[in-house]
């Protein structure tokens, strides 16, 4: 299967959980699907600086992606930050 097809399936899986992320002021976007089947994501809004981001990523996002696209080996977020990080991305309505 082509990489762009897999990315499309990953994005569709994310669409199923985006409403839950958006409820808490967050979101997620796909940055890359590596050749070794690792999905790299960017956590947006409140997800970028939430102390629960790691749990959300593993228990929610990764589970949803792997269920929809079993070819995926793992999911990584490039920007999980600690609370109070001045470089964390915040939702537009919080700026």
N, C-alpha and C. Protein backbone atom coordinates (compact mmCIF):
# COMPACT_ATOMS: atom_id res chain seq x y z
N UNK A 1 0.85 -1.18 0.00
CA UNK A 1 0.00 0.00 0.00
C UNK A 1 0.89 1.24 0.00
N UNK A 2 0.48 2.23 -0.76
CA UNK A 2 1.25 3.46 -0.85
C UNK A 2 1.20 4.25 0.45
N UNK A 3 2.28 4.98 0.68
CA UNK A 3 2.40 5.77 1.90
C UNK A 3 1.28 6.82 2.02
N UNK A 4 0.94 7.47 0.91
CA UNK A 4 -0.11 8.49 0.98
C UNK A 4 -1.48 7.88 1.33
N UNK A 5 -1.70 6.63 0.92
CA UNK A 5 -2.93 5.93 1.30
C UNK A 5 -2.96 5.68 2.81
N UNK A 6 -1.80 5.27 3.34
CA UNK A 6 -1.72 5.02 4.78
C UNK A 6 -1.93 6.32 5.57
N UNK A 7 -1.33 7.41 5.10
CA UNK A 7 -1.49 8.70 5.77
C UNK A 7 -2.97 9.11 5.76
N UNK A 8 -3.64 8.85 4.65
CA UNK A 8 -5.07 9.17 4.57
C UNK A 8 -5.87 8.37 5.59
N UNK A 9 -5.55 7.08 5.72
CA UNK A 9 -6.23 6.23 6.71
C UNK A 9 -5.92 6.69 8.13
N UNK A 10 -4.69 7.10 8.38
CA UNK A 10 -4.31 7.62 9.70
C UNK A 10 -5.11 8.87 10.01
N UNK A 11 -5.20 9.77 9.04
CA UNK A 11 -5.95 11.02 9.24
C UNK A 11 -7.42 10.74 9.51
N UNK A 12 -7.98 9.75 8.84
CA UNK A 12 -9.38 9.38 9.09
C UNK A 12 -9.55 8.84 10.52
N UNK A 13 -8.57 8.08 10.99
CA UNK A 13 -8.62 7.59 12.37
C UNK A 13 -8.57 8.75 13.35
N UNK A 14 -7.73 9.73 13.04
CA UNK A 14 -7.62 10.91 13.90
C UNK A 14 -8.92 11.72 13.89
N UNK A 15 -9.59 11.74 12.75
CA UNK A 15 -10.87 12.47 12.67
C UNK A 15 -11.89 11.91 13.67
N UNK A 16 -11.77 10.63 13.97
CA UNK A 16 -12.71 10.01 14.93
C UNK A 16 -12.46 10.46 16.37
N UNK A 17 -11.24 10.86 16.68
CA UNK A 17 -10.95 11.28 18.06
C UNK A 17 -10.76 12.79 18.19
N UNK A 18 -10.69 13.50 17.07
CA UNK A 18 -10.51 14.96 17.14
C UNK A 18 -11.58 15.66 17.96
N UNK A 19 -12.86 15.27 17.86
CA UNK A 19 -13.87 15.96 18.67
C UNK A 19 -13.55 15.93 20.17
N UNK A 20 -12.97 14.84 20.63
CA UNK A 20 -12.61 14.73 22.05
C UNK A 20 -11.45 15.65 22.39
N UNK A 21 -10.47 15.72 21.50
CA UNK A 21 -9.33 16.61 21.72
C UNK A 21 -9.79 18.07 21.68
N UNK A 22 -10.66 18.38 20.72
CA UNK A 22 -11.13 19.76 20.55
C UNK A 22 -11.95 20.21 21.75
N UNK A 23 -12.65 19.29 22.39
CA UNK A 23 -13.43 19.62 23.59
C UNK A 23 -12.54 20.22 24.66
N UNK A 24 -11.31 19.73 24.73
CA UNK A 24 -10.35 20.23 25.72
C UNK A 24 -9.42 21.30 25.15
N UNK A 25 -9.76 21.84 23.98
CA UNK A 25 -8.96 22.92 23.40
C UNK A 25 -7.72 22.46 22.67
N UNK A 26 -7.69 21.21 22.24
CA UNK A 26 -6.52 20.69 21.56
C UNK A 26 -6.83 20.10 20.21
N UNK A 27 -5.80 19.60 19.57
CA UNK A 27 -5.92 18.92 18.30
C UNK A 27 -4.59 18.26 18.01
N UNK A 28 -4.50 17.61 16.86
CA UNK A 28 -3.28 16.90 16.48
C UNK A 28 -3.16 16.96 14.96
N UNK A 29 -1.92 17.02 14.48
CA UNK A 29 -1.73 16.95 13.03
C UNK A 29 -0.59 16.00 12.71
N UNK A 30 -0.71 15.33 11.58
CA UNK A 30 0.32 14.40 11.13
C UNK A 30 1.46 15.20 10.52
N UNK A 31 2.67 14.94 10.98
CA UNK A 31 3.85 15.56 10.39
C UNK A 31 4.50 14.62 9.39
N UNK A 32 4.51 13.33 9.72
CA UNK A 32 5.27 12.40 8.89
C UNK A 32 4.89 10.97 9.21
N UNK A 33 4.95 10.13 8.20
CA UNK A 33 4.93 8.68 8.37
C UNK A 33 6.28 8.21 7.86
N UNK A 34 7.12 7.73 8.76
CA UNK A 34 8.47 7.34 8.38
C UNK A 34 8.45 6.03 7.59
N UNK A 35 9.57 5.73 6.94
CA UNK A 35 9.69 4.49 6.18
C UNK A 35 9.57 3.25 7.07
N UNK A 36 9.92 3.41 8.36
CA UNK A 36 9.79 2.27 9.27
C UNK A 36 8.46 2.29 10.02
N UNK A 37 7.47 3.00 9.45
CA UNK A 37 6.08 2.98 9.92
C UNK A 37 5.88 3.59 11.30
N UNK A 38 6.58 4.67 11.57
CA UNK A 38 6.38 5.45 12.79
C UNK A 38 5.66 6.72 12.38
N UNK A 39 4.55 7.00 13.06
CA UNK A 39 3.80 8.23 12.80
C UNK A 39 4.33 9.31 13.73
N UNK A 40 4.72 10.44 13.15
CA UNK A 40 5.15 11.59 13.95
C UNK A 40 4.05 12.63 13.88
N UNK A 41 3.62 13.06 15.06
CA UNK A 41 2.51 14.00 15.18
C UNK A 41 2.95 15.26 15.90
N UNK A 42 2.20 16.31 15.67
CA UNK A 42 2.35 17.53 16.47
C UNK A 42 1.06 17.71 17.25
N UNK A 43 1.21 17.87 18.55
CA UNK A 43 0.05 18.16 19.40
C UNK A 43 -0.19 19.65 19.35
N UNK A 44 -1.43 20.04 19.12
CA UNK A 44 -1.77 21.45 18.94
C UNK A 44 -2.66 21.93 20.08
N UNK A 45 -2.66 23.22 20.27
CA UNK A 45 -3.51 23.82 21.28
C UNK A 45 -3.16 23.35 22.66
N UNK A 46 -4.18 23.10 23.46
CA UNK A 46 -3.97 22.69 24.84
C UNK A 46 -3.23 21.36 24.93
N UNK A 47 -3.32 20.54 23.89
CA UNK A 47 -2.63 19.24 23.92
C UNK A 47 -1.11 19.41 23.97
N UNK A 48 -0.61 20.51 23.44
CA UNK A 48 0.82 20.73 23.40
C UNK A 48 1.44 21.00 24.76
N UNK A 49 0.63 21.42 25.73
CA UNK A 49 1.20 21.72 27.04
C UNK A 49 0.43 21.09 28.19
N UNK A 50 -0.39 20.12 27.88
CA UNK A 50 -1.18 19.45 28.92
C UNK A 50 -0.34 18.37 29.59
N UNK A 51 -0.38 18.30 30.92
CA UNK A 51 0.39 17.26 31.61
C UNK A 51 -0.11 15.84 31.30
N UNK A 52 -1.30 15.72 30.75
CA UNK A 52 -1.85 14.41 30.41
C UNK A 52 -1.55 14.02 28.96
N UNK A 53 -0.78 14.84 28.25
CA UNK A 53 -0.53 14.60 26.83
C UNK A 53 0.06 13.23 26.55
N UNK A 54 0.99 12.79 27.36
CA UNK A 54 1.62 11.49 27.13
C UNK A 54 0.58 10.38 27.21
N UNK A 55 -0.28 10.45 28.21
CA UNK A 55 -1.31 9.43 28.36
C UNK A 55 -2.31 9.51 27.20
N UNK A 56 -2.71 10.71 26.83
CA UNK A 56 -3.64 10.88 25.72
C UNK A 56 -3.04 10.32 24.44
N UNK A 57 -1.76 10.60 24.24
CA UNK A 57 -1.09 10.12 23.03
C UNK A 57 -1.10 8.60 22.98
N UNK A 58 -0.70 7.96 24.06
CA UNK A 58 -0.57 6.50 24.06
C UNK A 58 -1.93 5.80 24.14
N UNK A 59 -2.78 6.24 25.06
CA UNK A 59 -4.04 5.54 25.30
C UNK A 59 -5.11 5.89 24.26
N UNK A 60 -5.07 7.09 23.74
CA UNK A 60 -6.12 7.51 22.80
C UNK A 60 -5.66 7.55 21.37
N UNK A 61 -4.70 8.40 21.09
CA UNK A 61 -4.28 8.65 19.71
C UNK A 61 -3.61 7.41 19.11
N UNK A 62 -2.61 6.88 19.79
CA UNK A 62 -1.89 5.72 19.24
C UNK A 62 -2.82 4.53 19.07
N UNK A 63 -3.67 4.30 20.05
CA UNK A 63 -4.61 3.17 19.97
C UNK A 63 -5.54 3.31 18.77
N UNK A 64 -6.06 4.51 18.55
CA UNK A 64 -6.98 4.74 17.42
C UNK A 64 -6.26 4.53 16.09
N UNK A 65 -5.03 5.02 16.00
CA UNK A 65 -4.28 4.88 14.75
C UNK A 65 -3.95 3.41 14.48
N UNK A 66 -3.44 2.71 15.48
CA UNK A 66 -3.05 1.31 15.29
C UNK A 66 -4.25 0.42 14.98
N UNK A 67 -5.39 0.76 15.55
CA UNK A 67 -6.60 -0.03 15.27
C UNK A 67 -7.01 0.13 13.81
N UNK A 68 -6.93 1.36 13.30
CA UNK A 68 -7.34 1.65 11.92
C UNK A 68 -6.26 1.27 10.91
N UNK A 69 -5.00 1.39 11.32
CA UNK A 69 -3.87 1.15 10.42
C UNK A 69 -2.85 0.26 11.14
N UNK A 70 -3.10 -1.05 11.15
CA UNK A 70 -2.23 -1.96 11.90
C UNK A 70 -0.78 -1.98 11.42
N UNK A 71 -0.54 -1.46 10.24
CA UNK A 71 0.84 -1.40 9.72
C UNK A 71 1.72 -0.47 10.55
N UNK A 72 1.11 0.47 11.26
CA UNK A 72 1.86 1.44 12.06
C UNK A 72 2.50 0.74 13.26
N UNK A 73 3.79 0.99 13.44
CA UNK A 73 4.55 0.38 14.53
C UNK A 73 4.41 1.20 15.82
N UNK A 74 4.56 2.53 15.70
CA UNK A 74 4.43 3.38 16.88
C UNK A 74 4.05 4.79 16.48
N UNK A 75 3.67 5.57 17.50
CA UNK A 75 3.26 6.95 17.30
C UNK A 75 4.08 7.81 18.25
N UNK A 76 4.64 8.88 17.72
CA UNK A 76 5.45 9.80 18.53
C UNK A 76 4.92 11.22 18.35
N UNK A 77 4.94 11.97 19.43
CA UNK A 77 4.63 13.40 19.35
C UNK A 77 5.95 14.14 19.46
N UNK A 78 6.15 15.11 18.60
CA UNK A 78 7.43 15.83 18.60
C UNK A 78 7.45 16.97 19.60
N UNK A 79 6.31 17.27 20.20
CA UNK A 79 6.26 18.48 21.01
C UNK A 79 5.53 18.33 22.33
N UNK A 80 5.63 17.19 22.98
CA UNK A 80 5.04 17.08 24.31
C UNK A 80 5.87 17.96 25.24
N UNK A 81 5.20 18.89 25.90
CA UNK A 81 5.90 19.86 26.73
C UNK A 81 5.47 19.73 28.18
N UNK A 82 6.23 20.36 29.03
CA UNK A 82 5.91 20.37 30.46
C UNK A 82 5.02 21.57 30.77
N UNK A 83 4.17 21.47 31.78
CA UNK A 83 3.33 22.61 32.16
C UNK A 83 4.18 23.84 32.41
N UNK A 84 3.70 24.97 31.94
CA UNK A 84 4.41 26.23 32.15
C UNK A 84 5.48 26.53 31.11
N UNK A 85 5.67 25.62 30.14
CA UNK A 85 6.67 25.84 29.10
C UNK A 85 6.25 27.04 28.25
N UNK A 86 7.07 28.10 28.20
CA UNK A 86 6.69 29.30 27.44
C UNK A 86 6.67 29.05 25.94
N UNK A 87 7.23 27.94 25.48
CA UNK A 87 7.28 27.64 24.05
C UNK A 87 6.14 26.73 23.60
N UNK A 88 5.29 26.33 24.53
CA UNK A 88 4.17 25.46 24.18
C UNK A 88 3.21 26.22 23.28
N UNK A 89 2.64 25.52 22.32
CA UNK A 89 1.65 26.15 21.44
C UNK A 89 0.31 26.15 22.15
N UNK A 90 -0.31 27.29 22.17
CA UNK A 90 -1.63 27.43 22.81
C UNK A 90 -2.69 27.66 21.75
N UNK A 91 -3.93 27.29 22.04
CA UNK A 91 -5.00 27.58 21.09
C UNK A 91 -5.12 29.09 20.87
N UNK A 92 -5.54 29.46 19.68
CA UNK A 92 -5.68 30.88 19.34
C UNK A 92 -6.52 31.64 20.36
N UNK A 93 -7.57 31.00 20.87
CA UNK A 93 -8.45 31.70 21.79
C UNK A 93 -7.83 31.89 23.17
N UNK A 94 -6.64 31.33 23.40
CA UNK A 94 -5.99 31.49 24.71
C UNK A 94 -4.81 32.48 24.65
N UNK A 95 -4.53 32.97 23.45
CA UNK A 95 -3.39 33.89 23.30
C UNK A 95 -3.74 35.29 23.74
